[in-house]
Amino acid sequence: MKNQKRSHIRWEKIYEAYNFLNVELFSGHLPFADLRVEPCSGDYAYFQAVADNSKDPSTEEEFCEWLAQESVCDTGPIRKIVLNSELFTNHTDKAILAILVHEMLHLWQEIYGKPLRGHHNRQWAGKMKAIGLAPTNLYWPNLETGKFVGHRIIENGLYAKAFRKLKARGFKLRT
């Protein structure tokens, strides 16, 4: 194993990036999500949808109030995006935030589209391209859909422009 220096993850920066990218790429239409960094065996990240959309907080304050309720504590957080902690040892901020956006798109599709459980469908792939990430099936590179789909950043696409704007503000995920 390589001797890699671990950086301190700045939690507030992950939320700052989520909020910024939500505005820049989704016109601020995504609700607040529970963002986590933890080990994910075999995955860069994953999205977990909510079981009951009637309990959908739209602000961080509403989310915190919702979590404070006893009934909620038993069922866990609403919508969750988990980034693999290993990303922070060998990926750039630009790559990590592209992975975050990939998962944000699953959230978008859960609310506004027609998700196909466990798979990336054409609707999802079309929205990915619209926001500046080119979907690529990990086993069949000519496909944009399927169960195992990653992405590449489209230079001068919306995501690349949003990231440059965020970086110009002095943004850094790690200390």
C-alpha atoms as a PDB file:
ATOM      1  CA  MET A   1       0.000   0.000   0.000  1.00  0.00           C
ATOM      2  CA  LYS A   2       1.269   3.438  -0.898  1.00  0.00           C
ATOM      3  CA  ASN A   3       2.171   5.790   1.893  1.00  0.00           C
ATOM      4  CA  GLN A   4      -0.445   8.448   1.161  1.00  0.00           C
ATOM      5  CA  LYS A   5      -0.965  11.511   3.275  1.00  0.00           C
ATOM      6  CA  ARG A   6      -4.574  11.834   4.401  1.00  0.00           C
ATOM      7  CA  SER A   7      -6.059  15.301   4.299  1.00  0.00           C
ATOM      8  CA  HIS A   8      -8.500  16.590   6.855  1.00  0.00           C
ATOM      9  CA  ILE A   9     -11.998  16.529   5.377  1.00  0.00           C
ATOM     10  CA  ARG A  10     -13.815  19.784   5.948  1.00  0.00           C
ATOM     11  CA  TRP A  11     -17.481  18.806   6.375  1.00  0.00           C
ATOM     12  CA  GLU A  12     -18.774  22.333   5.970  1.00  0.00           C
ATOM     13  CA  LYS A  13     -17.035  22.470   2.585  1.00  0.00           C
ATOM     14  CA  ILE A  14     -18.917  19.410   1.335  1.00  0.00           C
ATOM     15  CA  TYR A  15     -22.209  21.118   2.207  1.00  0.00           C
ATOM     16  CA  GLU A  16     -20.964  24.386   0.721  1.00  0.00           C
ATOM     17  CA  ALA A  17     -20.152  22.576  -2.538  1.00  0.00           C
ATOM     18  CA  TYR A  18     -23.531  20.785  -2.543  1.00  0.00           C
ATOM     19  CA  ASN A  19     -25.389  24.073  -2.098  1.00  0.00           C
ATOM     20  CA  PHE A  20     -23.289  25.869  -4.728  1.00  0.00           C
ATOM     21  CA  LEU A  21     -23.634  23.077  -7.299  1.00  0.00           C
ATOM     22  CA  ASN A  22     -27.346  22.773  -6.555  1.00  0.00           C
ATOM     23  CA  VAL A  23     -27.797  26.420  -7.547  1.00  0.00           C
ATOM     24  CA  GLU A  24     -25.416  26.332 -10.517  1.00  0.00           C
ATOM     25  CA  LEU A  25     -26.519  23.022 -12.047  1.00  0.00           C
ATOM     26  CA  PHE A  26     -30.026  22.358 -10.728  1.00  0.00           C
ATOM     27  CA  SER A  27     -31.339  25.938 -10.306  1.00  0.00           C
ATOM     28  CA  GLY A  28     -31.509  25.313  -6.548  1.00  0.00           C
ATOM     29  CA  HIS A  29     -34.318  22.758  -6.949  1.00  0.00           C
ATOM     30  CA  LEU A  30     -32.746  19.904  -4.984  1.00  0.00           C
ATOM     31  CA  PRO A  31     -33.736  19.540  -1.317  1.00  0.00           C
ATOM     32  CA  PHE A  32     -31.238  19.355   1.495  1.00  0.00           C
ATOM     33  CA  ALA A  33     -29.586  15.913   1.696  1.00  0.00           C
ATOM     34  CA  ASP A  34     -27.668  14.066   4.380  1.00  0.00           C
ATOM     35  CA  LEU A  35     -24.101  14.074   3.035  1.00  0.00           C
ATOM     36  CA  ARG A  36     -21.614  11.609   4.466  1.00  0.00           C
ATOM     37  CA  VAL A  37     -18.045  10.493   3.936  1.00  0.00           C
ATOM     38  CA  GLU A  38     -17.434   6.888   4.926  1.00  0.00           C
ATOM     39  CA  PRO A  39     -15.918   3.689   3.522  1.00  0.00           C
ATOM     40  CA  CYS A  40     -17.934   2.219   0.607  1.00  0.00           C
ATOM     41  CA  SER A  41     -16.599  -1.127  -0.492  1.00  0.00           C
ATOM     42  CA  GLY A  42     -16.312  -1.144  -4.271  1.00  0.00           C
ATOM     43  CA  ASP A  43     -18.108   2.168  -4.891  1.00  0.00           C
ATOM     44  CA  TYR A  44     -16.964   5.769  -5.221  1.00  0.00           C
ATOM     45  CA  ALA A  45     -20.294   6.903  -3.796  1.00  0.00           C
ATOM     46  CA  TYR A  46     -23.963   6.040  -3.582  1.00  0.00           C
ATOM     47  CA  PHE A  47     -27.367   7.671  -3.267  1.00  0.00           C
ATOM     48  CA  GLN A  48     -30.086   6.363  -0.987  1.00  0.00           C
ATOM     49  CA  ALA A  49     -33.630   7.540  -1.642  1.00  0.00           C
ATOM     50  CA  VAL A  50     -36.269   8.291   0.949  1.00  0.00           C
ATOM     51  CA  ALA A  51     -39.120   5.905   1.623  1.00  0.00           C
ATOM     52  CA  ASP A  52     -41.694   8.616   2.410  1.00  0.00           C
ATOM     53  CA  ASN A  53     -41.500  11.773   0.276  1.00  0.00           C
ATOM     54  CA  SER A  54     -44.131  13.529   2.430  1.00  0.00           C
ATOM     55  CA  LYS A  55     -41.386  14.183   5.010  1.00  0.00           C
ATOM     56  CA  ASP A  56     -39.197  16.137   2.603  1.00  0.00           C
ATOM     57  CA  PRO A  57     -37.445  19.109   4.252  1.00  0.00           C
ATOM     58  CA  SER A  58     -36.336  21.790   1.836  1.00  0.00           C
ATOM     59  CA  THR A  59     -33.872  23.667   4.043  1.00  0.00           C
ATOM     60  CA  GLU A  60     -31.018  22.709   6.341  1.00  0.00           C
ATOM     61  CA  GLU A  61     -33.009  24.052   9.318  1.00  0.00           C
ATOM     62  CA  GLU A  62     -36.050  21.903   8.457  1.00  0.00           C
ATOM     63  CA  PHE A  63     -33.758  18.901   7.980  1.00  0.00           C
ATOM     64  CA  CYS A  64     -32.189  19.362  11.431  1.00  0.00           C
ATOM     65  CA  GLU A  65     -35.640  19.720  13.006  1.00  0.00           C
ATOM     66  CA  TRP A  66     -36.774  16.594  11.174  1.00  0.00           C
ATOM     67  CA  LEU A  67     -33.772  14.613  12.422  1.00  0.00           C
ATOM     68  CA  ALA A  68     -34.437  15.764  15.979  1.00  0.00           C
ATOM     69  CA  GLN A  69     -37.868  14.096  16.025  1.00  0.00           C
ATOM     70  CA  GLU A  70     -37.901  10.714  17.757  1.00  0.00           C
ATOM     71  CA  SER A  71     -39.806   8.952  14.989  1.00  0.00           C
ATOM     72  CA  VAL A  72     -37.206  10.013  12.468  1.00  0.00           C
ATOM     73  CA  CYS A  73     -34.249   8.891  14.535  1.00  0.00           C
ATOM     74  CA  ASP A  74     -35.575   5.341  14.361  1.00  0.00           C
ATOM     75  CA  THR A  75     -35.845   5.324  10.571  1.00  0.00           C
ATOM     76  CA  GLY A  76     -32.639   7.170   9.687  1.00  0.00           C
ATOM     77  CA  PRO A  77     -31.985  10.165   7.482  1.00  0.00           C
ATOM     78  CA  ILE A  78     -34.168  11.158   4.549  1.00  0.00           C
ATOM     79  CA  ARG A  79     -32.056  11.185   1.414  1.00  0.00           C
ATOM     80  CA  LYS A  80     -28.460  10.262   1.753  1.00  0.00           C
ATOM     81  CA  ILE A  81     -25.430  10.765  -0.458  1.00  0.00           C
ATOM     82  CA  VAL A  82     -22.360   8.910   0.729  1.00  0.00           C
ATOM     83  CA  LEU A  83     -18.914   9.656  -0.696  1.00  0.00           C
ATOM     84  CA  ASN A  84     -16.277   6.976  -0.237  1.00  0.00           C
ATOM     85  CA  SER A  85     -13.646   8.214   2.215  1.00  0.00           C
ATOM     86  CA  GLU A  86     -10.920   6.751  -0.015  1.00  0.00           C
ATOM     87  CA  LEU A  87     -11.741   9.384  -2.652  1.00  0.00           C
ATOM     88  CA  PHE A  88     -10.037  11.977  -0.489  1.00  0.00           C
ATOM     89  CA  THR A  89      -6.662  10.231  -0.654  1.00  0.00           C
ATOM     90  CA  ASN A  90      -6.256   9.945  -4.404  1.00  0.00           C
ATOM     91  CA  HIS A  91      -8.732  12.204  -6.243  1.00  0.00           C
ATOM     92  CA  THR A  92      -8.732  15.932  -6.945  1.00  0.00           C
ATOM     93  CA  ASP A  93     -11.428  18.236  -5.633  1.00  0.00           C
ATOM     94  CA  LYS A  94     -12.746  18.537  -9.201  1.00  0.00           C
ATOM     95  CA  ALA A  95     -13.110  14.746  -9.492  1.00  0.00           C
ATOM     96  CA  ILE A  96     -14.665  14.357  -6.024  1.00  0.00           C
ATOM     97  CA  LEU A  97     -17.244  17.056  -6.697  1.00  0.00           C
ATOM     98  CA  ALA A  98     -18.053  15.490 -10.089  1.00  0.00           C
ATOM     99  CA  ILE A  99     -18.834  12.280  -8.178  1.00  0.00           C
ATOM    100  CA  LEU A 100     -21.004  14.309  -5.792  1.00  0.00           C
ATOM    101  CA  VAL A 101     -22.866  15.779  -8.801  1.00  0.00           C
ATOM    102  CA  HIS A 102     -23.316  12.249 -10.240  1.00  0.00           C
ATOM    103  CA  GLU A 103     -25.105  11.321  -7.000  1.00  0.00           C
ATOM    104  CA  MET A 104     -27.012  14.632  -6.903  1.00  0.00           C
ATOM    105  CA  LEU A 105     -28.376  13.660 -10.291  1.00  0.00           C
ATOM    106  CA  HIS A 106     -29.810  10.466  -8.774  1.00  0.00           C
ATOM    107  CA  LEU A 107     -31.534  12.727  -6.216  1.00  0.00           C
ATOM    108  CA  TRP A 108     -32.833  14.946  -9.037  1.00  0.00           C
ATOM    109  CA  GLN A 109     -34.215  11.913 -10.882  1.00  0.00           C
ATOM    110  CA  GLU A 110     -35.817  10.549  -7.705  1.00  0.00           C
ATOM    111  CA  ILE A 111     -37.795  13.788  -7.338  1.00  0.00           C
ATOM    112  CA  TYR A 112     -38.378  14.986 -10.906  1.00  0.00           C
ATOM    113  CA  GLY A 113     -37.905  11.964 -13.138  1.00  0.00           C
ATOM    114  CA  LYS A 114     -38.447   8.263 -13.492  1.00  0.00           C
ATOM    115  CA  PRO A 115     -35.595   6.363 -11.848  1.00  0.00           C
ATOM    116  CA  LEU A 116     -34.893   2.741 -12.617  1.00  0.00           C
ATOM    117  CA  ARG A 117     -33.715   1.148  -9.365  1.00  0.00           C
ATOM    118  CA  GLY A 118     -30.087   0.110  -9.461  1.00  0.00           C
ATOM    119  CA  HIS A 119     -29.553   1.316 -13.018  1.00  0.00           C
ATOM    120  CA  HIS A 120     -28.664   4.483 -14.877  1.00  0.00           C
ATOM    121  CA  ASN A 121     -31.310   5.029 -17.568  1.00  0.00           C
ATOM    122  CA  ARG A 122     -31.548   7.289 -20.645  1.00  0.00           C
ATOM    123  CA  GLN A 123     -33.253  10.101 -18.745  1.00  0.00           C
ATOM    124  CA  TRP A 124     -30.430  10.123 -16.199  1.00  0.00           C
ATOM    125  CA  ALA A 125     -27.773   9.975 -18.960  1.00  0.00           C
ATOM    126  CA  GLY A 126     -29.405  12.876 -20.820  1.00  0.00           C
ATOM    127  CA  LYS A 127     -29.432  15.072 -17.724  1.00  0.00           C
ATOM    128  CA  MET A 128     -25.811  14.120 -16.969  1.00  0.00           C
ATOM    129  CA  LYS A 129     -24.741  15.356 -20.398  1.00  0.00           C
ATOM    130  CA  ALA A 130     -26.835  18.525 -19.982  1.00  0.00           C
ATOM    131  CA  ILE A 131     -24.955  19.426 -16.790  1.00  0.00           C
ATOM    132  CA  GLY A 132     -21.533  18.647 -18.229  1.00  0.00           C
ATOM    133  CA  LEU A 133     -20.724  15.061 -17.278  1.00  0.00           C
ATOM    134  CA  ALA A 134     -20.497  12.379 -19.964  1.00  0.00           C
ATOM    135  CA  PRO A 135     -21.838   9.033 -18.662  1.00  0.00           C
ATOM    136  CA  THR A 136     -19.825   5.940 -19.546  1.00  0.00           C
ATOM    137  CA  ASN A 137     -20.708   2.329 -18.833  1.00  0.00           C
ATOM    138  CA  LEU A 138     -17.692   0.843 -17.055  1.00  0.00           C
ATOM    139  CA  TYR A 139     -17.886  -2.459 -18.967  1.00  0.00           C
ATOM    140  CA  TRP A 140     -19.186  -1.298 -22.360  1.00  0.00           C
ATOM    141  CA  PRO A 141     -17.634   2.138 -23.013  1.00  0.00           C
ATOM    142  CA  ASN A 142     -19.940   2.870 -25.954  1.00  0.00           C
ATOM    143  CA  LEU A 143     -22.999   2.713 -23.669  1.00  0.00           C
ATOM    144  CA  GLU A 144     -24.203   5.511 -21.387  1.00  0.00           C
ATOM    145  CA  THR A 145     -26.661   3.469 -19.335  1.00  0.00           C
ATOM    146  CA  GLY A 146     -26.716   0.339 -17.207  1.00  0.00           C
ATOM    147  CA  LYS A 147     -25.862  -0.677 -13.665  1.00  0.00           C
ATOM    148  CA  PHE A 148     -22.165   0.230 -13.670  1.00  0.00           C
ATOM    149  CA  VAL A 149     -21.875   3.741 -15.075  1.00  0.00           C
ATOM    150  CA  GLY A 150     -19.202   6.304 -14.340  1.00  0.00           C
ATOM    151  CA  HIS A 151     -18.586   9.614 -16.020  1.00  0.00           C
ATOM    152  CA  ARG A 152     -15.986  11.932 -17.427  1.00  0.00           C
ATOM    153  CA  ILE A 153     -16.003  15.693 -17.122  1.00  0.00           C
ATOM    154  CA  ILE A 154     -16.908  17.521 -20.328  1.00  0.00           C
ATOM    155  CA  GLU A 155     -14.420  20.365 -20.710  1.00  0.00           C
ATOM    156  CA  ASN A 156     -16.274  23.701 -20.926  1.00  0.00           C
ATOM    157  CA  GLY A 157     -19.501  21.929 -19.921  1.00  0.00           C
ATOM    158  CA  LEU A 158     -21.702  23.354 -17.158  1.00  0.00           C
ATOM    159  CA  TYR A 159     -19.995  21.343 -14.420  1.00  0.00           C
ATOM    160  CA  ALA A 160     -16.476  22.388 -15.502  1.00  0.00           C
ATOM    161  CA  LYS A 161     -17.571  26.041 -15.585  1.00  0.00           C
ATOM    162  CA  ALA A 162     -19.272  25.766 -12.187  1.00  0.00           C
ATOM    163  CA  PHE A 163     -16.180  24.137 -10.686  1.00  0.00           C
ATOM    164  CA  ARG A 164     -13.925  26.905 -12.047  1.00  0.00           C
ATOM    165  CA  LYS A 165     -16.288  29.483 -10.536  1.00  0.00           C
ATOM    166  CA  LEU A 166     -16.222  27.700  -7.172  1.00  0.00           C
ATOM    167  CA  LYS A 167     -12.429  27.347  -7.257  1.00  0.00           C
ATOM    168  CA  ALA A 168     -12.059  31.064  -8.115  1.00  0.00           C
ATOM    169  CA  ARG A 169     -13.743  31.790  -4.768  1.00  0.00           C
ATOM    170  CA  GLY A 170     -10.861  29.994  -3.037  1.00  0.00           C
ATOM    171  CA  PHE A 171     -12.793  26.777  -2.435  1.00  0.00           C
ATOM    172  CA  LYS A 172     -10.865  23.703  -1.188  1.00  0.00           C
ATOM    173  CA  LEU A 173     -12.368  20.490   0.201  1.00  0.00           C
ATOM    174  CA  ARG A 174      -9.337  19.651   2.336  1.00  0.00           C
ATOM    175  CA  THR A 175      -6.958  21.498   4.581  1.00  0.00           C
END
